[in-house]
Amino acid sequence: MIGDTVGPGGIMRGIRHVPALIDIASNLDDISPNTYLFNYSNPLTVLTRAVIRECKVKTYGVCTGIFGVASRDVKLYIGGINHFYWVLDFTVKAIRDILSWRS
């Protein structure tokens, strides 16, 4: 679902969150100008672009991907970051070996 990134929901989140993140990034500019700011929150592109445009701090937007997909019956062990991730282990209802290469 993309409601937290675009459309009315994304626009309203951007209006609320941009000033707060700009404030944080401005403080980082003053306190530690060589630091990095990693944004993991949505609307990811809107927030990251706003900070890059308004502040000097080195800023990166990183998508969290599929890490919140697991449930009580489905467990995923994932490696990687920012849309470059892979499933290392996959368990359904405690039955192992869903991926044949991993026992």
PDB file of N, CA and C in Angstrom:
ATOM      1  N   MET A   1       0.833  -1.166   0.000  1.00  0.00           N
ATOM      2  CA  MET A   1       0.000   0.000   0.000  1.00  0.00           C
ATOM      3  C   MET A   1       0.886   1.240   0.000  1.00  0.00           C
ATOM      4  N   ILE A   2       0.504   2.254  -0.741  1.00  0.00           N
ATOM      5  CA  ILE A   2       1.309   3.455  -0.856  1.00  0.00           C
ATOM      6  C   ILE A   2       0.631   4.676  -0.243  1.00  0.00           C
ATOM      7  N   GLY A   3      -0.384   4.486   0.555  1.00  0.00           N
ATOM      8  CA  GLY A   3      -1.120   5.597   1.149  1.00  0.00           C
ATOM      9  C   GLY A   3      -0.292   6.455   2.078  1.00  0.00           C
ATOM     10  N   ASP A   4       0.806   5.911   2.611  1.00  0.00           N
ATOM     11  CA  ASP A   4       1.643   6.698   3.511  1.00  0.00           C
ATOM     12  C   ASP A   4       2.712   7.476   2.752  1.00  0.00           C
ATOM     13  N   THR A   5       2.745   7.350   1.417  1.00  0.00           N
ATOM     14  CA  THR A   5       3.769   8.009   0.621  1.00  0.00           C
ATOM     15  C   THR A   5       3.195   9.021  -0.361  1.00  0.00           C
ATOM     16  N   VAL A   6       2.123   8.659  -1.038  1.00  0.00           N
ATOM     17  CA  VAL A   6       1.512   9.555  -2.023  1.00  0.00           C
ATOM     18  C   VAL A   6       0.031   9.707  -1.723  1.00  0.00           C
ATOM     19  N   GLY A   7      -0.630  10.554  -2.450  1.00  0.00           N
ATOM     20  CA  GLY A   7      -2.053  10.788  -2.237  1.00  0.00           C
ATOM     21  C   GLY A   7      -2.272  11.654  -1.012  1.00  0.00           C
ATOM     22  N   PRO A   8      -3.522  11.810  -0.587  1.00  0.00           N
ATOM     23  CA  PRO A   8      -3.822  12.688   0.548  1.00  0.00           C
ATOM     24  C   PRO A   8      -3.075  12.317   1.828  1.00  0.00           C
ATOM     25  N   GLY A   9      -2.965  11.018   2.106  1.00  0.00           N
ATOM     26  CA  GLY A   9      -2.265  10.590   3.313  1.00  0.00           C
ATOM     27  C   GLY A   9      -0.796  10.973   3.284  1.00  0.00           C
ATOM     28  N   GLY A  10      -0.141  10.758   2.155  1.00  0.00           N
ATOM     29  CA  GLY A  10       1.271  11.101   2.018  1.00  0.00           C
ATOM     30  C   GLY A  10       1.513  12.594   2.075  1.00  0.00           C
ATOM     31  N   ILE A  11       0.618  13.349   1.449  1.00  0.00           N
ATOM     32  CA  ILE A  11       0.746  14.815   1.479  1.00  0.00           C
ATOM     33  C   ILE A  11       0.616  15.325   2.909  1.00  0.00           C
ATOM     34  N   MET A  12      -0.369  14.840   3.636  1.00  0.00           N
ATOM     35  CA  MET A  12      -0.564  15.305   5.014  1.00  0.00           C
ATOM     36  C   MET A  12       0.594  14.888   5.917  1.00  0.00           C
ATOM     37  N   ARG A  13       1.111  13.698   5.730  1.00  0.00           N
ATOM     38  CA  ARG A  13       2.280  13.278   6.521  1.00  0.00           C
ATOM     39  C   ARG A  13       3.478  14.156   6.205  1.00  0.00           C
ATOM     40  N   GLY A  14       3.666  14.473   4.933  1.00  0.00           N
ATOM     41  CA  GLY A  14       4.764  15.360   4.547  1.00  0.00           C
ATOM     42  C   GLY A  14       4.635  16.731   5.187  1.00  0.00           C
ATOM     43  N   ILE A  15       3.430  17.284   5.171  1.00  0.00           N
ATOM     44  CA  ILE A  15       3.197  18.608   5.780  1.00  0.00           C
ATOM     45  C   ILE A  15       3.522  18.575   7.270  1.00  0.00           C
ATOM     46  N   ARG A  16       3.173  17.478   7.944  1.00  0.00           N
ATOM     47  CA  ARG A  16       3.451  17.368   9.385  1.00  0.00           C
ATOM     48  C   ARG A  16       4.914  17.069   9.684  1.00  0.00           C
ATOM     49  N   HIS A  17       5.536  16.214   8.882  1.00  0.00           N
ATOM     50  CA  HIS A  17       6.858  15.696   9.229  1.00  0.00           C
ATOM     51  C   HIS A  17       8.027  16.506   8.691  1.00  0.00           C
ATOM     52  N   VAL A  18       7.869  17.186   7.554  1.00  0.00           N
ATOM     53  CA  VAL A  18       8.984  17.943   6.983  1.00  0.00           C
ATOM     54  C   VAL A  18       9.531  18.972   7.969  1.00  0.00           C
ATOM     55  N   PRO A  19       8.695  19.824   8.588  1.00  0.00           N
ATOM     56  CA  PRO A  19       9.266  20.806   9.522  1.00  0.00           C
ATOM     57  C   PRO A  19      10.033  20.171  10.684  1.00  0.00           C
ATOM     58  N   ALA A  20       9.537  19.067  11.209  1.00  0.00           N
ATOM     59  CA  ALA A  20      10.210  18.400  12.327  1.00  0.00           C
ATOM     60  C   ALA A  20      11.556  17.826  11.891  1.00  0.00           C
ATOM     61  N   LEU A  21      11.603  17.205  10.724  1.00  0.00           N
ATOM     62  CA  LEU A  21      12.861  16.619  10.260  1.00  0.00           C
ATOM     63  C   LEU A  21      13.862  17.702   9.866  1.00  0.00           C
ATOM     64  N   ILE A  22      13.388  18.796   9.289  1.00  0.00           N
ATOM     65  CA  ILE A  22      14.268  19.928   8.972  1.00  0.00           C
ATOM     66  C   ILE A  22      14.872  20.486  10.260  1.00  0.00           C
ATOM     67  N   ASP A  23      14.078  20.564  11.312  1.00  0.00           N
ATOM     68  CA  ASP A  23      14.570  21.046  12.606  1.00  0.00           C
ATOM     69  C   ASP A  23      15.678  20.137  13.143  1.00  0.00           C
ATOM     70  N   ILE A  24      15.453  18.846  13.083  1.00  0.00           N
ATOM     71  CA  ILE A  24      16.467  17.876  13.537  1.00  0.00           C
ATOM     72  C   ILE A  24      17.733  18.000  12.686  1.00  0.00           C
ATOM     73  N   ALA A  25      17.571  18.043  11.361  1.00  0.00           N
ATOM     74  CA  ALA A  25      18.728  18.122  10.463  1.00  0.00           C
ATOM     75  C   ALA A  25      19.484  19.440  10.648  1.00  0.00           C
ATOM     76  N   SER A  26      18.777  20.531  10.907  1.00  0.00           N
ATOM     77  CA  SER A  26      19.424  21.829  11.163  1.00  0.00           C
ATOM     78  C   SER A  26      20.279  21.763  12.422  1.00  0.00           C
ATOM     79  N   ASN A  27      19.767  21.096  13.438  1.00  0.00           N
ATOM     80  CA  ASN A  27      20.558  20.916  14.660  1.00  0.00           C
ATOM     81  C   ASN A  27      21.817  20.098  14.372  1.00  0.00           C
ATOM     82  N   LEU A  28      21.682  19.071  13.544  1.00  0.00           N
ATOM     83  CA  LEU A  28      22.847  18.274  13.170  1.00  0.00           C
ATOM     84  C   LEU A  28      23.861  19.113  12.401  1.00  0.00           C
ATOM     85  N   ASP A  29      23.374  20.009  11.531  1.00  0.00           N
ATOM     86  CA  ASP A  29      24.275  20.914  10.812  1.00  0.00           C
ATOM     87  C   ASP A  29      25.146  21.692  11.794  1.00  0.00           C
ATOM     88  N   ASP A  30      24.541  22.171  12.879  1.00  0.00           N
ATOM     89  CA  ASP A  30      25.256  22.984  13.868  1.00  0.00           C
ATOM     90  C   ASP A  30      26.143  22.147  14.780  1.00  0.00           C
ATOM     91  N   ILE A  31      25.626  21.029  15.244  1.00  0.00           N
ATOM     92  CA  ILE A  31      26.320  20.215  16.246  1.00  0.00           C
ATOM     93  C   ILE A  31      27.405  19.345  15.630  1.00  0.00           C
ATOM     94  N   SER A  32      27.090  18.703  14.516  1.00  0.00           N
ATOM     95  CA  SER A  32      28.013  17.731  13.920  1.00  0.00           C
ATOM     96  C   SER A  32      27.867  17.753  12.395  1.00  0.00           C
ATOM     97  N   PRO A  33      28.469  18.735  11.735  1.00  0.00           N
ATOM     98  CA  PRO A  33      28.257  18.908  10.297  1.00  0.00           C
ATOM     99  C   PRO A  33      28.746  17.755   9.425  1.00  0.00           C
ATOM    100  N   ASN A  34      29.597  16.891   9.948  1.00  0.00           N
ATOM    101  CA  ASN A  34      30.098  15.760   9.162  1.00  0.00           C
ATOM    102  C   ASN A  34      29.328  14.472   9.395  1.00  0.00           C
ATOM    103  N   THR A  35      28.214  14.563  10.095  1.00  0.00           N
ATOM    104  CA  THR A  35      27.426  13.367  10.397  1.00  0.00           C
ATOM    105  C   THR A  35      26.545  12.984   9.215  1.00  0.00           C
ATOM    106  N   TYR A  36      25.922  11.830   9.314  1.00  0.00           N
ATOM    107  CA  TYR A  36      24.981  11.343   8.299  1.00  0.00           C
ATOM    108  C   TYR A  36      23.605  11.215   8.943  1.00  0.00           C
ATOM    109  N   LEU A  37      22.578  11.549   8.177  1.00  0.00           N
ATOM    110  CA  LEU A  37      21.195  11.367   8.619  1.00  0.00           C
ATOM    111  C   LEU A  37      20.558  10.322   7.712  1.00  0.00           C
ATOM    112  N   PHE A  38      20.120   9.221   8.309  1.00  0.00           N
ATOM    113  CA  PHE A  38      19.427   8.174   7.561  1.00  0.00           C
ATOM    114  C   PHE A  38      17.953   8.244   7.906  1.00  0.00           C
ATOM    115  N   ASN A  39      17.122   8.479   6.903  1.00  0.00           N
ATOM    116  CA  ASN A  39      15.685   8.569   7.108  1.00  0.00           C
ATOM    117  C   ASN A  39      15.034   7.249   6.700  1.00  0.00           C
ATOM    118  N   TYR A  40      14.321   6.642   7.639  1.00  0.00           N
ATOM    119  CA  TYR A  40      13.592   5.396   7.378  1.00  0.00           C
ATOM    120  C   TYR A  40      12.080   5.615   7.395  1.00  0.00           C
ATOM    121  N   SER A  41      11.623   6.850   7.451  1.00  0.00           N
ATOM    122  CA  SER A  41      10.193   7.101   7.621  1.00  0.00           C
ATOM    123  C   SER A  41       9.552   7.620   6.339  1.00  0.00           C
ATOM    124  N   ASN A  42       8.268   7.400   6.213  1.00  0.00           N
ATOM    125  CA  ASN A  42       7.498   7.846   5.048  1.00  0.00           C
ATOM    126  C   ASN A  42       6.810   9.166   5.355  1.00  0.00           C
ATOM    127  N   PRO A  43       6.590   9.956   4.332  1.00  0.00           N
ATOM    128  CA  PRO A  43       6.906   9.747   2.919  1.00  0.00           C
ATOM    129  C   PRO A  43       8.406   9.923   2.678  1.00  0.00           C
ATOM    130  N   LEU A  44       9.067   8.838   2.380  1.00  0.00           N
ATOM    131  CA  LEU A  44      10.521   8.762   2.329  1.00  0.00           C
ATOM    132  C   LEU A  44      11.135   9.794   1.384  1.00  0.00           C
ATOM    133  N   THR A  45      10.703   9.827   0.149  1.00  0.00           N
ATOM    134  CA  THR A  45      11.299  10.728  -0.834  1.00  0.00           C
ATOM    135  C   THR A  45      11.055  12.181  -0.475  1.00  0.00           C
ATOM    136  N   VAL A  46       9.859  12.512  -0.070  1.00  0.00           N
ATOM    137  CA  VAL A  46       9.519  13.899   0.294  1.00  0.00           C
ATOM    138  C   VAL A  46      10.399  14.380   1.437  1.00  0.00           C
ATOM    139  N   LEU A  47      10.522  13.581   2.485  1.00  0.00           N
ATOM    140  CA  LEU A  47      11.311  13.976   3.649  1.00  0.00           C
ATOM    141  C   LEU A  47      12.793  14.073   3.305  1.00  0.00           C
ATOM    142  N   THR A  48      13.309  13.106   2.588  1.00  0.00           N
ATOM    143  CA  THR A  48      14.728  13.100   2.249  1.00  0.00           C
ATOM    144  C   THR A  48      15.081  14.272   1.345  1.00  0.00           C
ATOM    145  N   ARG A  49      14.262  14.529   0.340  1.00  0.00           N
ATOM    146  CA  ARG A  49      14.525  15.652  -0.565  1.00  0.00           C
ATOM    147  C   ARG A  49      14.457  16.982   0.158  1.00  0.00           C
ATOM    148  N   ALA A  50      13.524  17.124   1.081  1.00  0.00           N
ATOM    149  CA  ALA A  50      13.398  18.383   1.829  1.00  0.00           C
ATOM    150  C   ALA A  50      14.658  18.656   2.640  1.00  0.00           C
ATOM    151  N   VAL A  51      15.169  17.641   3.311  1.00  0.00           N
ATOM    152  CA  VAL A  51      16.379  17.821   4.124  1.00  0.00           C
ATOM    153  C   VAL A  51      17.581  18.118   3.223  1.00  0.00           C
ATOM    154  N   ILE A  52      17.716  17.411   2.127  1.00  0.00           N
ATOM    155  CA  ILE A  52      18.838  17.653   1.208  1.00  0.00           C
ATOM    156  C   ILE A  52      18.786  19.090   0.680  1.00  0.00           C
ATOM    157  N   ARG A  53      17.592  19.552   0.392  1.00  0.00           N
ATOM    158  CA  ARG A  53      17.437  20.904  -0.145  1.00  0.00           C
ATOM    159  C   ARG A  53      17.707  21.995   0.883  1.00  0.00           C
ATOM    160  N   GLU A  54      17.316  21.763   2.126  1.00  0.00           N
ATOM    161  CA  GLU A  54      17.359  22.817   3.137  1.00  0.00           C
ATOM    162  C   GLU A  54      18.544  22.755   4.090  1.00  0.00           C
ATOM    163  N   CYS A  55      19.238  21.627   4.163  1.00  0.00           N
ATOM    164  CA  CYS A  55      20.291  21.458   5.160  1.00  0.00           C
ATOM    165  C   CYS A  55      21.573  20.946   4.508  1.00  0.00           C
ATOM    166  N   LYS A  56      22.666  21.052   5.266  1.00  0.00           N
ATOM    167  CA  LYS A  56      23.969  20.615   4.765  1.00  0.00           C
ATOM    168  C   LYS A  56      24.287  19.167   5.138  1.00  0.00           C
ATOM    169  N   VAL A  57      23.621  18.640   6.155  1.00  0.00           N
ATOM    170  CA  VAL A  57      23.925  17.294   6.636  1.00  0.00           C
ATOM    171  C   VAL A  57      23.737  16.279   5.499  1.00  0.00           C
ATOM    172  N   LYS A  58      24.631  15.315   5.426  1.00  0.00           N
ATOM    173  CA  LYS A  58      24.551  14.268   4.402  1.00  0.00           C
ATOM    174  C   LYS A  58      23.352  13.369   4.737  1.00  0.00           C
ATOM    175  N   THR A  59      22.400  13.304   3.841  1.00  0.00           N
ATOM    176  CA  THR A  59      21.124  12.643   4.122  1.00  0.00           C
ATOM    177  C   THR A  59      20.834  11.554   3.107  1.00  0.00           C
ATOM    178  N   TYR A  60      20.356  10.419   3.614  1.00  0.00           N
ATOM    179  CA  TYR A  60      19.997   9.286   2.767  1.00  0.00           C
ATOM    180  C   TYR A  60      18.629   8.766   3.199  1.00  0.00           C
ATOM    181  N   GLY A  61      17.800   8.429   2.230  1.00  0.00           N
ATOM    182  CA  GLY A  61      16.519   7.794   2.506  1.00  0.00           C
ATOM    183  C   GLY A  61      16.649   6.308   2.259  1.00  0.00           C
ATOM    184  N   VAL A  62      16.265   5.506   3.237  1.00  0.00           N
ATOM    185  CA  VAL A  62      16.434   4.059   3.141  1.00  0.00           C
ATOM    186  C   VAL A  62      15.094   3.382   3.411  1.00  0.00           C
ATOM    187  N   CYS A  63      14.626   2.605   2.451  1.00  0.00           N
ATOM    188  CA  CYS A  63      13.359   1.893   2.610  1.00  0.00           C
ATOM    189  C   CYS A  63      13.557   0.670   3.499  1.00  0.00           C
ATOM    190  N   THR A  64      12.601   0.434   4.366  1.00  0.00           N
ATOM    191  CA  THR A  64      12.710  -0.706   5.273  1.00  0.00           C
ATOM    192  C   THR A  64      12.325  -2.019   4.612  1.00  0.00           C
ATOM    193  N   GLY A  65      11.675  -1.983   3.464  1.00  0.00           N
ATOM    194  CA  GLY A  65      11.378  -3.197   2.727  1.00  0.00           C
ATOM    195  C   GLY A  65      10.293  -4.050   3.346  1.00  0.00           C
ATOM    196  N   ILE A  66      10.491  -5.365   3.359  1.00  0.00           N
ATOM    197  CA  ILE A  66       9.451  -6.317   3.753  1.00  0.00           C
ATOM    198  C   ILE A  66       9.613  -6.824   5.176  1.00  0.00           C
ATOM    199  N   PHE A  67      10.322  -6.121   6.025  1.00  0.00           N
ATOM    200  CA  PHE A  67      10.648  -6.640   7.343  1.00  0.00           C
ATOM    201  C   PHE A  67       9.436  -6.828   8.253  1.00  0.00           C
ATOM    202  N   GLY A  68       8.337  -6.179   7.987  1.00  0.00           N
ATOM    203  CA  GLY A  68       7.173  -6.317   8.848  1.00  0.00           C
ATOM    204  C   GLY A  68       6.145  -7.309   8.345  1.00  0.00           C
ATOM    205  N   VAL A  69       6.519  -8.184   7.424  1.00  0.00           N
ATOM    206  CA  VAL A  69       5.566  -9.092   6.794  1.00  0.00           C
ATOM    207  C   VAL A  69       5.259 -10.318   7.651  1.00  0.00           C
ATOM    208  N   ALA A  70       6.184 -10.760   8.456  1.00  0.00           N
ATOM    209  CA  ALA A  70       6.019 -12.009   9.201  1.00  0.00           C
ATOM    210  C   ALA A  70       4.837 -11.937  10.172  1.00  0.00           C
ATOM    211  N   SER A  71       4.265 -13.097  10.433  1.00  0.00           N
ATOM    212  CA  SER A  71       3.162 -13.220  11.381  1.00  0.00           C
ATOM    213  C   SER A  71       3.511 -14.318  12.380  1.00  0.00           C
ATOM    214  N   ARG A  72       2.530 -14.727  13.158  1.00  0.00           N
ATOM    215  CA  ARG A  72       2.783 -15.809  14.115  1.00  0.00           C
ATOM    216  C   ARG A  72       3.128 -17.109  13.399  1.00  0.00           C
ATOM    217  N   ASP A  73       2.537 -17.353  12.244  1.00  0.00           N
ATOM    218  CA  ASP A  73       2.765 -18.593  11.508  1.00  0.00           C
ATOM    219  C   ASP A  73       3.881 -18.502  10.472  1.00  0.00           C
ATOM    220  N   VAL A  74       4.219 -17.301  10.060  1.00  0.00           N
ATOM    221  CA  VAL A  74       5.232 -17.109   9.021  1.00  0.00           C
ATOM    222  C   VAL A  74       6.377 -16.299   9.594  1.00  0.00           C
ATOM    223  N   LYS A  75       7.580 -16.831   9.477  1.00  0.00           N
ATOM    224  CA  LYS A  75       8.779 -16.145   9.949  1.00  0.00           C
ATOM    225  C   LYS A  75       9.756 -16.008   8.788  1.00  0.00           C
ATOM    226  N   LEU A  76      10.293 -14.808   8.610  1.00  0.00           N
ATOM    227  CA  LEU A  76      11.275 -14.543   7.572  1.00  0.00           C
ATOM    228  C   LEU A  76      12.571 -14.071   8.211  1.00  0.00           C
ATOM    229  N   TYR A  77      13.678 -14.559   7.711  1.00  0.00           N
ATOM    230  CA  TYR A  77      14.989 -14.063   8.098  1.00  0.00           C
ATOM    231  C   TYR A  77      15.558 -13.433   6.844  1.00  0.00           C
ATOM    232  N   ILE A  78      15.757 -12.111   6.875  1.00  0.00           N
ATOM    233  CA  ILE A  78      16.061 -11.337   5.686  1.00  0.00           C
ATOM    234  C   ILE A  78      17.445 -10.712   5.802  1.00  0.00           C
ATOM    235  N   GLY A  79      18.168 -10.636   4.695  1.00  0.00           N
ATOM    236  CA  GLY A  79      19.433  -9.921   4.632  1.00  0.00           C
ATOM    237  C   GLY A  79      19.348  -8.832   3.588  1.00  0.00           C
ATOM    238  N   GLY A  80      20.124  -7.773   3.767  1.00  0.00           N
ATOM    239  CA  GLY A  80      20.150  -6.686   2.804  1.00  0.00           C
ATOM    240  C   GLY A  80      19.463  -5.444   3.317  1.00  0.00           C
ATOM    241  N   ILE A  81      19.347  -4.440   2.442  1.00  0.00           N
ATOM    242  CA  ILE A  81      18.755  -3.160   2.815  1.00  0.00           C
ATOM    243  C   ILE A  81      18.272  -2.422   1.569  1.00  0.00           C
ATOM    244  N   ASN A  82      17.283  -1.575   1.736  1.00  0.00           N
ATOM    245  CA  ASN A  82      16.823  -0.619   0.729  1.00  0.00           C
ATOM    246  C   ASN A  82      16.497  -1.258  -0.626  1.00  0.00           C
ATOM    247  N   HIS A  83      15.588  -2.162  -0.656  1.00  0.00           N
ATOM    248  CA  HIS A  83      15.123  -2.867  -1.850  1.00  0.00           C
ATOM    249  C   HIS A  83      16.150  -3.845  -2.410  1.00  0.00           C
ATOM    250  N   PHE A  84      17.272  -4.017  -1.743  1.00  0.00           N
ATOM    251  CA  PHE A  84      18.268  -5.005  -2.132  1.00  0.00           C
ATOM    252  C   PHE A  84      18.376  -6.013  -1.002  1.00  0.00           C
ATOM    253  N   TYR A  85      17.359  -6.814  -0.831  1.00  0.00           N
ATOM    254  CA  TYR A  85      17.336  -7.782   0.245  1.00  0.00           C
ATOM    255  C   TYR A  85      16.890  -9.129  -0.298  1.00  0.00           C
ATOM    256  N   TRP A  86      17.166 -10.146   0.463  1.00  0.00           N
ATOM    257  CA  TRP A  86      16.830 -11.500   0.055  1.00  0.00           C
ATOM    258  C   TRP A  86      16.419 -12.293   1.278  1.00  0.00           C
ATOM    259  N   VAL A  87      15.675 -13.347   1.048  1.00  0.00           N
ATOM    260  CA  VAL A  87      15.208 -14.204   2.122  1.00  0.00           C
ATOM    261  C   VAL A  87      16.282 -15.247   2.398  1.00  0.00           C
ATOM    262  N   LEU A  88      16.775 -15.264   3.631  1.00  0.00           N
ATOM    263  CA  LEU A  88      17.789 -16.231   4.032  1.00  0.00           C
ATOM    264  C   LEU A  88      17.173 -17.479   4.647  1.00  0.00           C
ATOM    265  N   ASP A  89      16.024 -17.303   5.292  1.00  0.00           N
ATOM    266  CA  ASP A  89      15.326 -18.436   5.890  1.00  0.00           C
ATOM    267  C   ASP A  89      13.844 -18.104   5.917  1.00  0.00           C
ATOM    268  N   PHE A  90      13.014 -19.118   5.755  1.00  0.00           N
ATOM    269  CA  PHE A  90      11.576 -18.937   5.631  1.00  0.00           C
ATOM    270  C   PHE A  90      10.889 -20.105   6.334  1.00  0.00           C
ATOM    271  N   THR A  91      10.123 -19.825   7.372  1.00  0.00           N
ATOM    272  CA  THR A  91       9.457 -20.867   8.138  1.00  0.00           C
ATOM    273  C   THR A  91       7.949 -20.607   8.151  1.00  0.00           C
ATOM    274  N   VAL A  92       7.160 -21.658   7.876  1.00  0.00           N
ATOM    275  CA  VAL A  92       5.707 -21.562   7.932  1.00  0.00           C
ATOM    276  C   VAL A  92       5.209 -22.567   8.955  1.00  0.00           C
ATOM    277  N   LYS A  93       4.508 -22.082   9.979  1.00  0.00           N
ATOM    278  CA  LYS A  93       3.968 -22.932  11.042  1.00  0.00           C
ATOM    279  C   LYS A  93       5.013 -23.898  11.579  1.00  0.00           C
ATOM    280  N   ALA A  94       6.213 -23.375  11.822  1.00  0.00           N
ATOM    281  CA  ALA A  94       7.324 -24.135  12.411  1.00  0.00           C
ATOM    282  C   ALA A  94       7.789 -25.306  11.547  1.00  0.00           C
ATOM    283  N   ILE A  95       7.441 -25.341  10.285  1.00  0.00           N
ATOM    284  CA  ILE A  95       7.949 -26.366   9.369  1.00  0.00           C
ATOM    285  C   ILE A  95       9.165 -25.767   8.665  1.00  0.00           C
ATOM    286  N   ARG A  96      10.328 -26.334   8.907  1.00  0.00           N
ATOM    287  CA  ARG A  96      11.565 -25.798   8.332  1.00  0.00           C
ATOM    288  C   ARG A  96      11.759 -26.279   6.890  1.00  0.00           C
ATOM    289  N   ASP A  97      12.798 -25.793   6.289  1.00  0.00           N
ATOM    290  CA  ASP A  97      13.219 -26.210   4.956  1.00  0.00           C
ATOM    291  C   ASP A  97      12.235 -25.813   3.864  1.00  0.00           C
ATOM    292  N   ILE A  98      11.626 -24.626   3.980  1.00  0.00           N
ATOM    293  CA  ILE A  98      10.797 -24.100   2.894  1.00  0.00           C
ATOM    294  C   ILE A  98      11.672 -23.811   1.698  1.00  0.00           C
ATOM    295  N   LEU A  99      12.866 -23.264   1.973  1.00  0.00           N
ATOM    296  CA  LEU A  99      13.853 -23.046   0.921  1.00  0.00           C
ATOM    297  C   LEU A  99      14.790 -24.241   0.940  1.00  0.00           C
ATOM    298  N   SER A 100      14.796 -25.038  -0.101  1.00  0.00           N
ATOM    299  CA  SER A 100      15.505 -26.314  -0.109  1.00  0.00           C
ATOM    300  C   SER A 100      17.005 -26.176   0.122  1.00  0.00           C
ATOM    301  N   TRP A 101      17.584 -25.045  -0.207  1.00  0.00           N
ATOM    302  CA  TRP A 101      19.018 -24.869  -0.025  1.00  0.00           C
ATOM    303  C   TRP A 101      19.394 -24.541   1.416  1.00  0.00           C
ATOM    304  N   ARG A 102      18.433 -24.346   2.256  1.00  0.00           N
ATOM    305  CA  ARG A 102      18.699 -23.996   3.661  1.00  0.00           C
ATOM    306  C   ARG A 102      18.022 -25.033   4.554  1.00  0.00           C
ATOM    307  N   SER A 103      18.787 -25.850   5.243  1.00  0.00           N
ATOM    308  CA  SER A 103      18.203 -26.894   6.086  1.00  0.00           C
ATOM    309  C   SER A 103      18.267 -26.525   7.540  1.00  0.00           C
TER     310      SER A 103
END
